[in-house]
PDB file of all heavy atoms in Angstrom:
ATOM      1  N   ALA A   1     232.405  79.407 158.028  1.00  0.00           N
ATOM      2  CA  ALA A   1     233.120  79.997 156.901  1.00  0.00           C
ATOM      3  C   ALA A   1     232.824  81.490 156.795  1.00  0.00           C
ATOM      4  O   ALA A   1     233.725  82.303 156.537  1.00  0.00           O
ATOM      5  CB  ALA A   1     232.735  79.277 155.605  1.00  0.00           C
ATOM      6  N   LEU A   2     231.549  81.861 156.988  1.00  0.00           N
ATOM      7  CA  LEU A   2     231.182  83.273 156.946  1.00  0.00           C
ATOM      8  C   LEU A   2     231.879  84.064 158.040  1.00  0.00           C
ATOM      9  O   LEU A   2     232.386  85.166 157.810  1.00  0.00           O
ATOM     10  CB  LEU A   2     229.662  83.424 157.089  1.00  0.00           C
ATOM     11  CG  LEU A   2     228.816  83.111 155.854  1.00  0.00           C
ATOM     12  CD1 LEU A   2     227.343  83.079 156.224  1.00  0.00           C
ATOM     13  CD2 LEU A   2     229.072  84.133 154.761  1.00  0.00           C
ATOM     14  N   ARG A   3     231.931  83.491 159.236  1.00  0.00           N
ATOM     15  CA  ARG A   3     232.569  84.183 160.350  1.00  0.00           C
ATOM     16  C   ARG A   3     234.063  84.352 160.091  1.00  0.00           C
ATOM     17  O   ARG A   3     234.636  85.419 160.339  1.00  0.00           O
ATOM     18  CB  ARG A   3     232.338  83.423 161.648  1.00  0.00           C
ATOM     19  CG  ARG A   3     230.890  83.409 162.082  1.00  0.00           C
ATOM     20  CD  ARG A   3     230.672  82.614 163.341  1.00  0.00           C
ATOM     21  NE  ARG A   3     231.168  83.319 164.523  1.00  0.00           N
ATOM     22  CZ  ARG A   3     230.997  82.886 165.756  1.00  0.00           C
ATOM     23  NH1 ARG A   3     230.365  81.748 165.975  1.00  0.00           N
ATOM     24  NH2 ARG A   3     231.453  83.581 166.776  1.00  0.00           N
ATOM     25  N   LEU A   4     234.701  83.303 159.563  1.00  0.00           N
ATOM     26  CA  LEU A   4     236.128  83.391 159.283  1.00  0.00           C
ATOM     27  C   LEU A   4     236.401  84.395 158.181  1.00  0.00           C
ATOM     28  O   LEU A   4     237.323  85.211 158.278  1.00  0.00           O
ATOM     29  CB  LEU A   4     236.660  82.011 158.885  1.00  0.00           C
ATOM     30  CG  LEU A   4     238.144  81.960 158.495  1.00  0.00           C
ATOM     31  CD1 LEU A   4     239.013  82.449 159.650  1.00  0.00           C
ATOM     32  CD2 LEU A   4     238.544  80.552 158.096  1.00  0.00           C
ATOM     33  N   ALA A   5     235.579  84.368 157.122  1.00  0.00           N
ATOM     34  CA  ALA A   5     235.778  85.302 156.010  1.00  0.00           C
ATOM     35  C   ALA A   5     235.673  86.742 156.472  1.00  0.00           C
ATOM     36  O   ALA A   5     236.471  87.597 156.083  1.00  0.00           O
ATOM     37  CB  ALA A   5     234.750  85.027 154.910  1.00  0.00           C
ATOM     38  N   ASN A   6     234.686  87.007 157.323  1.00  0.00           N
ATOM     39  CA  ASN A   6     234.519  88.370 157.814  1.00  0.00           C
ATOM     40  C   ASN A   6     235.636  88.782 158.762  1.00  0.00           C
ATOM     41  O   ASN A   6     236.012  89.953 158.809  1.00  0.00           O
ATOM     42  CB  ASN A   6     233.153  88.514 158.497  1.00  0.00           C
ATOM     43  CG  ASN A   6     232.039  88.703 157.498  1.00  0.00           C
ATOM     44  OD1 ASN A   6     231.723  89.818 157.108  1.00  0.00           O
ATOM     45  ND2 ASN A   6     231.469  87.602 157.041  1.00  0.00           N
ATOM     46  N   ARG A   7     236.182  87.831 159.507  1.00  0.00           N
ATOM     47  CA  ARG A   7     237.305  88.163 160.383  1.00  0.00           C
ATOM     48  C   ARG A   7     238.571  88.407 159.578  1.00  0.00           C
ATOM     49  O   ARG A   7     239.427  89.196 159.965  1.00  0.00           O
ATOM     50  CB  ARG A   7     237.528  87.041 161.391  1.00  0.00           C
ATOM     51  CG  ARG A   7     236.426  86.932 162.422  1.00  0.00           C
ATOM     52  CD  ARG A   7     236.653  85.830 163.399  1.00  0.00           C
ATOM     53  NE  ARG A   7     237.773  86.118 164.278  1.00  0.00           N
ATOM     54  CZ  ARG A   7     238.118  85.351 165.310  1.00  0.00           C
ATOM     55  NH1 ARG A   7     237.434  84.259 165.580  1.00  0.00           N
ATOM     56  NH2 ARG A   7     239.145  85.679 166.064  1.00  0.00           N
ATOM     57  N   LEU A   8     238.688  87.732 158.410  1.00  0.00           N
ATOM     58  CA  LEU A   8     239.863  87.908 157.576  1.00  0.00           C
ATOM     59  C   LEU A   8     239.816  89.202 156.767  1.00  0.00           C
ATOM     60  O   LEU A   8     240.851  89.706 156.342  1.00  0.00           O
ATOM     61  CB  LEU A   8     240.009  86.716 156.615  1.00  0.00           C
ATOM     62  CG  LEU A   8     240.360  85.374 157.262  1.00  0.00           C
ATOM     63  CD1 LEU A   8     240.352  84.274 156.213  1.00  0.00           C
ATOM     64  CD2 LEU A   8     241.707  85.436 157.963  1.00  0.00           C
ATOM     65  N   GLU A   9     238.596  89.724 156.563  1.00  0.00           N
ATOM     66  CA  GLU A   9     238.456  90.945 155.774  1.00  0.00           C
ATOM     67  C   GLU A   9     239.142  92.129 156.447  1.00  0.00           C
ATOM     68  O   GLU A   9     239.606  93.048 155.803  1.00  0.00           O
ATOM     69  CB  GLU A   9     236.980  91.259 155.541  1.00  0.00           C
ATOM     70  CG  GLU A   9     236.366  90.376 154.458  1.00  0.00           C
ATOM     71  CD  GLU A   9     234.872  90.582 154.344  1.00  0.00           C
ATOM     72  OE1 GLU A   9     234.314  91.408 155.098  1.00  0.00           O
ATOM     73  OE2 GLU A   9     234.250  89.907 153.502  1.00  0.00           O
ATOM     74  N   THR A  10     239.182  92.125 157.749  1.00  0.00           N
ATOM     75  CA  THR A  10     239.867  93.193 158.478  1.00  0.00           C
ATOM     76  C   THR A  10     240.352  92.650 159.803  1.00  0.00           C
ATOM     77  O   THR A  10     239.643  91.909 160.476  1.00  0.00           O
ATOM     78  CB  THR A  10     238.947  94.396 158.737  1.00  0.00           C
ATOM     79  OG1 THR A  10     239.591  95.280 159.639  1.00  0.00           O
ATOM     80  CG2 THR A  10     237.605  93.982 159.300  1.00  0.00           C
ATOM     81  N   ASP A  11     241.572  93.010 160.174  1.00  0.00           N
ATOM     82  CA  ASP A  11     242.126  92.505 161.432  1.00  0.00           C
ATOM     83  C   ASP A  11     241.485  93.161 162.641  1.00  0.00           C
ATOM     84  O   ASP A  11     241.776  92.799 163.779  1.00  0.00           O
ATOM     85  CB  ASP A  11     243.647  92.693 161.480  1.00  0.00           C
ATOM     86  CG  ASP A  11     244.061  94.161 161.365  1.00  0.00           C
ATOM     87  OD1 ASP A  11     243.175  95.035 161.325  1.00  0.00           O
ATOM     88  OD2 ASP A  11     245.276  94.424 161.321  1.00  0.00           O
ATOM     89  N   ARG A  12     240.607  94.129 162.417  1.00  0.00           N
ATOM     90  CA  ARG A  12     239.924  94.765 163.541  1.00  0.00           C
ATOM     91  C   ARG A  12     238.663  94.022 163.951  1.00  0.00           C
ATOM     92  O   ARG A  12     238.130  94.254 165.025  1.00  0.00           O
ATOM     93  CB  ARG A  12     239.560  96.221 163.198  1.00  0.00           C
ATOM     94  CG  ARG A  12     240.782  97.122 163.146  1.00  0.00           C
ATOM     95  CD  ARG A  12     240.421  98.581 163.097  1.00  0.00           C
ATOM     96  NE  ARG A  12     241.621  99.370 163.319  1.00  0.00           N
ATOM     97  CZ  ARG A  12     242.073  99.720 164.501  1.00  0.00           C
ATOM     98  NH1 ARG A  12     241.428  99.359 165.577  1.00  0.00           N
ATOM     99  NH2 ARG A  12     243.171 100.442 164.630  1.00  0.00           N
ATOM    100  N   VAL A  13     238.158  93.132 163.096  1.00  0.00           N
ATOM    101  CA  VAL A  13     236.953  92.380 163.425  1.00  0.00           C
ATOM    102  C   VAL A  13     237.307  91.249 164.380  1.00  0.00           C
ATOM    103  O   VAL A  13     238.149  90.417 164.090  1.00  0.00           O
ATOM    104  CB  VAL A  13     236.288  91.816 162.149  1.00  0.00           C
ATOM    105  CG1 VAL A  13     235.121  90.910 162.513  1.00  0.00           C
ATOM    106  CG2 VAL A  13     235.812  92.959 161.265  1.00  0.00           C
ATOM    107  N   LEU A  14     236.657  91.236 165.541  1.00  0.00           N
ATOM    108  CA  LEU A  14     236.926  90.233 166.565  1.00  0.00           C
ATOM    109  C   LEU A  14     235.975  89.060 166.490  1.00  0.00           C
ATOM    110  O   LEU A  14     236.317  87.943 166.861  1.00  0.00           O
ATOM    111  CB  LEU A  14     236.832  90.882 167.959  1.00  0.00           C
ATOM    112  CG  LEU A  14     237.746  92.087 168.180  1.00  0.00           C
ATOM    113  CD1 LEU A  14     237.447  92.710 169.536  1.00  0.00           C
ATOM    114  CD2 LEU A  14     239.206  91.681 168.085  1.00  0.00           C
ATOM    115  N   ASP A  15     234.772  89.292 166.003  1.00  0.00           N
ATOM    116  CA  ASP A  15     233.809  88.205 165.868  1.00  0.00           C
ATOM    117  C   ASP A  15     232.684  88.655 164.952  1.00  0.00           C
ATOM    118  O   ASP A  15     232.482  89.854 164.731  1.00  0.00           O
ATOM    119  CB  ASP A  15     233.244  87.797 167.227  1.00  0.00           C
ATOM    120  CG  ASP A  15     232.723  86.367 167.230  1.00  0.00           C
ATOM    121  OD1 ASP A  15     232.715  85.740 166.149  1.00  0.00           O
ATOM    122  OD2 ASP A  15     232.334  85.886 168.300  1.00  0.00           O
ATOM    123  N   PHE A  16     231.955  87.673 164.417  1.00  0.00           N
ATOM    124  CA  PHE A  16     230.886  87.976 163.464  1.00  0.00           C
ATOM    125  C   PHE A  16     229.802  86.917 163.611  1.00  0.00           C
ATOM    126  O   PHE A  16     230.087  85.726 163.680  1.00  0.00           O
ATOM    127  CB  PHE A  16     231.440  87.952 162.029  1.00  0.00           C
ATOM    128  CG  PHE A  16     230.394  88.094 160.958  1.00  0.00           C
ATOM    129  CD1 PHE A  16     229.950  89.339 160.574  1.00  0.00           C
ATOM    130  CD2 PHE A  16     229.857  86.974 160.339  1.00  0.00           C
ATOM    131  CE1 PHE A  16     228.982  89.476 159.587  1.00  0.00           C
ATOM    132  CE2 PHE A  16     228.893  87.096 159.353  1.00  0.00           C
ATOM    133  CZ  PHE A  16     228.459  88.356 158.971  1.00  0.00           C
ATOM    134  N   VAL A  17     228.552  87.352 163.690  1.00  0.00           N
ATOM    135  CA  VAL A  17     227.418  86.430 163.782  1.00  0.00           C
ATOM    136  C   VAL A  17     226.377  86.849 162.765  1.00  0.00           C
ATOM    137  O   VAL A  17     225.978  88.019 162.712  1.00  0.00           O
ATOM    138  CB  VAL A  17     226.788  86.432 165.189  1.00  0.00           C
ATOM    139  CG1 VAL A  17     225.577  85.512 165.220  1.00  0.00           C
ATOM    140  CG2 VAL A  17     227.808  86.007 166.226  1.00  0.00           C
ATOM    141  N   GLN A  18     225.933  85.901 161.932  1.00  0.00           N
ATOM    142  CA  GLN A  18     224.891  86.194 160.948  1.00  0.00           C
ATOM    143  C   GLN A  18     223.575  85.598 161.409  1.00  0.00           C
ATOM    144  O   GLN A  18     223.458  84.398 161.618  1.00  0.00           O
ATOM    145  CB  GLN A  18     225.252  85.624 159.577  1.00  0.00           C
ATOM    146  CG  GLN A  18     224.192  85.951 158.524  1.00  0.00           C
ATOM    147  CD  GLN A  18     224.548  85.423 157.151  1.00  0.00           C
ATOM    148  OE1 GLN A  18     225.027  84.316 157.009  1.00  0.00           O
ATOM    149  NE2 GLN A  18     224.303  86.242 156.139  1.00  0.00           N
ATOM    150  N   PHE A  19     222.554  86.460 161.594  1.00  0.00           N
ATOM    151  CA  PHE A  19     221.231  86.002 161.969  1.00  0.00           C
ATOM    152  C   PHE A  19     220.355  85.801 160.732  1.00  0.00           C
ATOM    153  O   PHE A  19     219.481  84.954 160.707  1.00  0.00           O
ATOM    154  CB  PHE A  19     220.573  86.999 162.918  1.00  0.00           C
ATOM    155  CG  PHE A  19     221.228  87.044 164.265  1.00  0.00           C
ATOM    156  CD1 PHE A  19     222.138  88.031 164.573  1.00  0.00           C
ATOM    157  CD2 PHE A  19     220.958  86.070 165.212  1.00  0.00           C
ATOM    158  CE1 PHE A  19     222.757  88.072 165.811  1.00  0.00           C
ATOM    159  CE2 PHE A  19     221.570  86.104 166.463  1.00  0.00           C
ATOM    160  CZ  PHE A  19     222.466  87.100 166.760  1.00  0.00           C
ATOM    161  N   SER A  20     220.589  86.619 159.708  1.00  0.00           N
ATOM    162  CA  SER A  20     219.867  86.494 158.447  1.00  0.00           C
ATOM    163  C   SER A  20     220.652  87.282 157.412  1.00  0.00           C
ATOM    164  O   SER A  20     221.730  87.806 157.713  1.00  0.00           O
ATOM    165  CB  SER A  20     218.442  87.060 158.575  1.00  0.00           C
ATOM    166  OG  SER A  20     218.485  88.479 158.695  1.00  0.00           O
ATOM    167  N   GLU A  21     220.137  87.336 156.191  1.00  0.00           N
ATOM    168  CA  GLU A  21     220.834  88.085 155.151  1.00  0.00           C
ATOM    169  C   GLU A  21     220.925  89.570 155.492  1.00  0.00           C
ATOM    170  O   GLU A  21     221.842  90.260 155.076  1.00  0.00           O
ATOM    171  CB  GLU A  21     220.111  87.913 153.808  1.00  0.00           C
ATOM    172  CG  GLU A  21     220.242  86.525 153.213  1.00  0.00           C
ATOM    173  CD  GLU A  21     221.675  86.156 152.904  1.00  0.00           C
ATOM    174  OE1 GLU A  21     222.419  87.033 152.455  1.00  0.00           O
ATOM    175  OE2 GLU A  21     222.058  84.991 153.109  1.00  0.00           O
ATOM    176  N   LYS A  22     219.947  90.082 156.281  1.00  0.00           N
ATOM    177  CA  LYS A  22     219.898  91.509 156.569  1.00  0.00           C
ATOM    178  C   LYS A  22     220.376  91.864 157.970  1.00  0.00           C
ATOM    179  O   LYS A  22     220.624  93.035 158.258  1.00  0.00           O
ATOM    180  CB  LYS A  22     218.470  92.029 156.371  1.00  0.00           C
ATOM    181  CG  LYS A  22     217.986  91.943 154.932  1.00  0.00           C
ATOM    182  CD  LYS A  22     216.592  92.534 154.786  1.00  0.00           C
ATOM    183  CE  LYS A  22     216.128  92.490 153.345  1.00  0.00           C
ATOM    184  NZ  LYS A  22     214.776  93.075 153.176  1.00  0.00           N
ATOM    185  N   ILE A  23     220.468  90.867 158.835  1.00  0.00           N
ATOM    186  CA  ILE A  23     220.838  91.153 160.217  1.00  0.00           C
ATOM    187  C   ILE A  23     222.121  90.424 160.568  1.00  0.00           C
ATOM    188  O   ILE A  23     222.164  89.195 160.594  1.00  0.00           O
ATOM    189  CB  ILE A  23     219.725  90.746 161.201  1.00  0.00           C
ATOM    190  CG1 ILE A  23     218.407  91.442 160.834  1.00  0.00           C
ATOM    191  CG2 ILE A  23     220.134  91.104 162.627  1.00  0.00           C
ATOM    192  CD1 ILE A  23     217.234  91.004 161.672  1.00  0.00           C
ATOM    193  N   ASN A  24     223.169  91.186 160.802  1.00  0.00           N
ATOM    194  CA  ASN A  24     224.466  90.651 161.193  1.00  0.00           C
ATOM    195  C   ASN A  24     224.993  91.475 162.354  1.00  0.00           C
ATOM    196  O   ASN A  24     224.724  92.677 162.449  1.00  0.00           O
ATOM    197  CB  ASN A  24     225.469  90.729 160.041  1.00  0.00           C
ATOM    198  CG  ASN A  24     224.960  90.040 158.792  1.00  0.00           C
ATOM    199  OD1 ASN A  24     225.197  88.872 158.580  1.00  0.00           O
ATOM    200  ND2 ASN A  24     224.252  90.801 157.940  1.00  0.00           N
ATOM    201  N   ILE A  25     225.742  90.853 163.230  1.00  0.00           N
ATOM    202  CA  ILE A  25     226.364  91.580 164.338  1.00  0.00           C
ATOM    203  C   ILE A  25     227.867  91.335 164.304  1.00  0.00           C
ATOM    204  O   ILE A  25     228.317  90.188 164.210  1.00  0.00           O
ATOM    205  CB  ILE A  25     225.786  91.150 165.694  1.00  0.00           C
ATOM    206  CG1 ILE A  25     224.312  91.547 165.800  1.00  0.00           C
ATOM    207  CG2 ILE A  25     226.577  91.776 166.843  1.00  0.00           C
ATOM    208  CD1 ILE A  25     223.646  91.155 167.092  1.00  0.00           C
ATOM    209  N   THR A  26     228.611  92.411 164.341  1.00  0.00           N
ATOM    210  CA  THR A  26     230.068  92.341 164.333  1.00  0.00           C
ATOM    211  C   THR A  26     230.631  92.995 165.588  1.00  0.00           C
ATOM    212  O   THR A  26     230.160  94.050 166.012  1.00  0.00           O
ATOM    213  CB  THR A  26     230.644  93.049 163.093  1.00  0.00           C
ATOM    214  OG1 THR A  26     230.343  92.285 161.939  1.00  0.00           O
ATOM    215  CG2 THR A  26     232.147  93.188 163.181  1.00  0.00           C
ATOM    216  N   LYS A  27     231.630  92.338 166.163  1.00  0.00           N
ATOM    217  CA  LYS A  27     232.375  92.901 167.279  1.00  0.00           C
ATOM    218  C   LYS A  27     233.739  93.305 166.745  1.00  0.00           C
ATOM    219  O   LYS A  27     234.447  92.479 166.170  1.00  0.00           O
ATOM    220  CB  LYS A  27     232.523  91.845 168.381  1.00  0.00           C
ATOM    221  CG  LYS A  27     233.369  92.274 169.570  1.00  0.00           C
ATOM    222  CD  LYS A  27     233.497  91.125 170.567  1.00  0.00           C
ATOM    223  CE  LYS A  27     234.377  91.501 171.747  1.00  0.00           C
ATOM    224  NZ  LYS A  27     234.555  90.353 172.688  1.00  0.00           N
ATOM    225  N   MET A  28     234.087  94.579 166.894  1.00  0.00           N
ATOM    226  CA  MET A  28     235.330  95.044 166.284  1.00  0.00           C
ATOM    227  C   MET A  28     235.988  96.159 167.104  1.00  0.00           C
ATOM    228  O   MET A  28     235.337  96.862 167.865  1.00  0.00           O
ATOM    229  CB  MET A  28     235.065  95.559 164.873  1.00  0.00           C
ATOM    230  CG  MET A  28     234.169  96.795 164.814  1.00  0.00           C
ATOM    231  SD  MET A  28     233.865  97.364 163.117  1.00  0.00           S
ATOM    232  CE  MET A  28     235.523  97.821 162.632  1.00  0.00           C
TER     233      MET A  28
END
């Protein structure tokens, strides 16, 4: 759900991975 929400926030986001509340990696 988090990955989908972040991909829906902008059409430029290709993928999203959450490692913790402070560490996230986005491919865009």
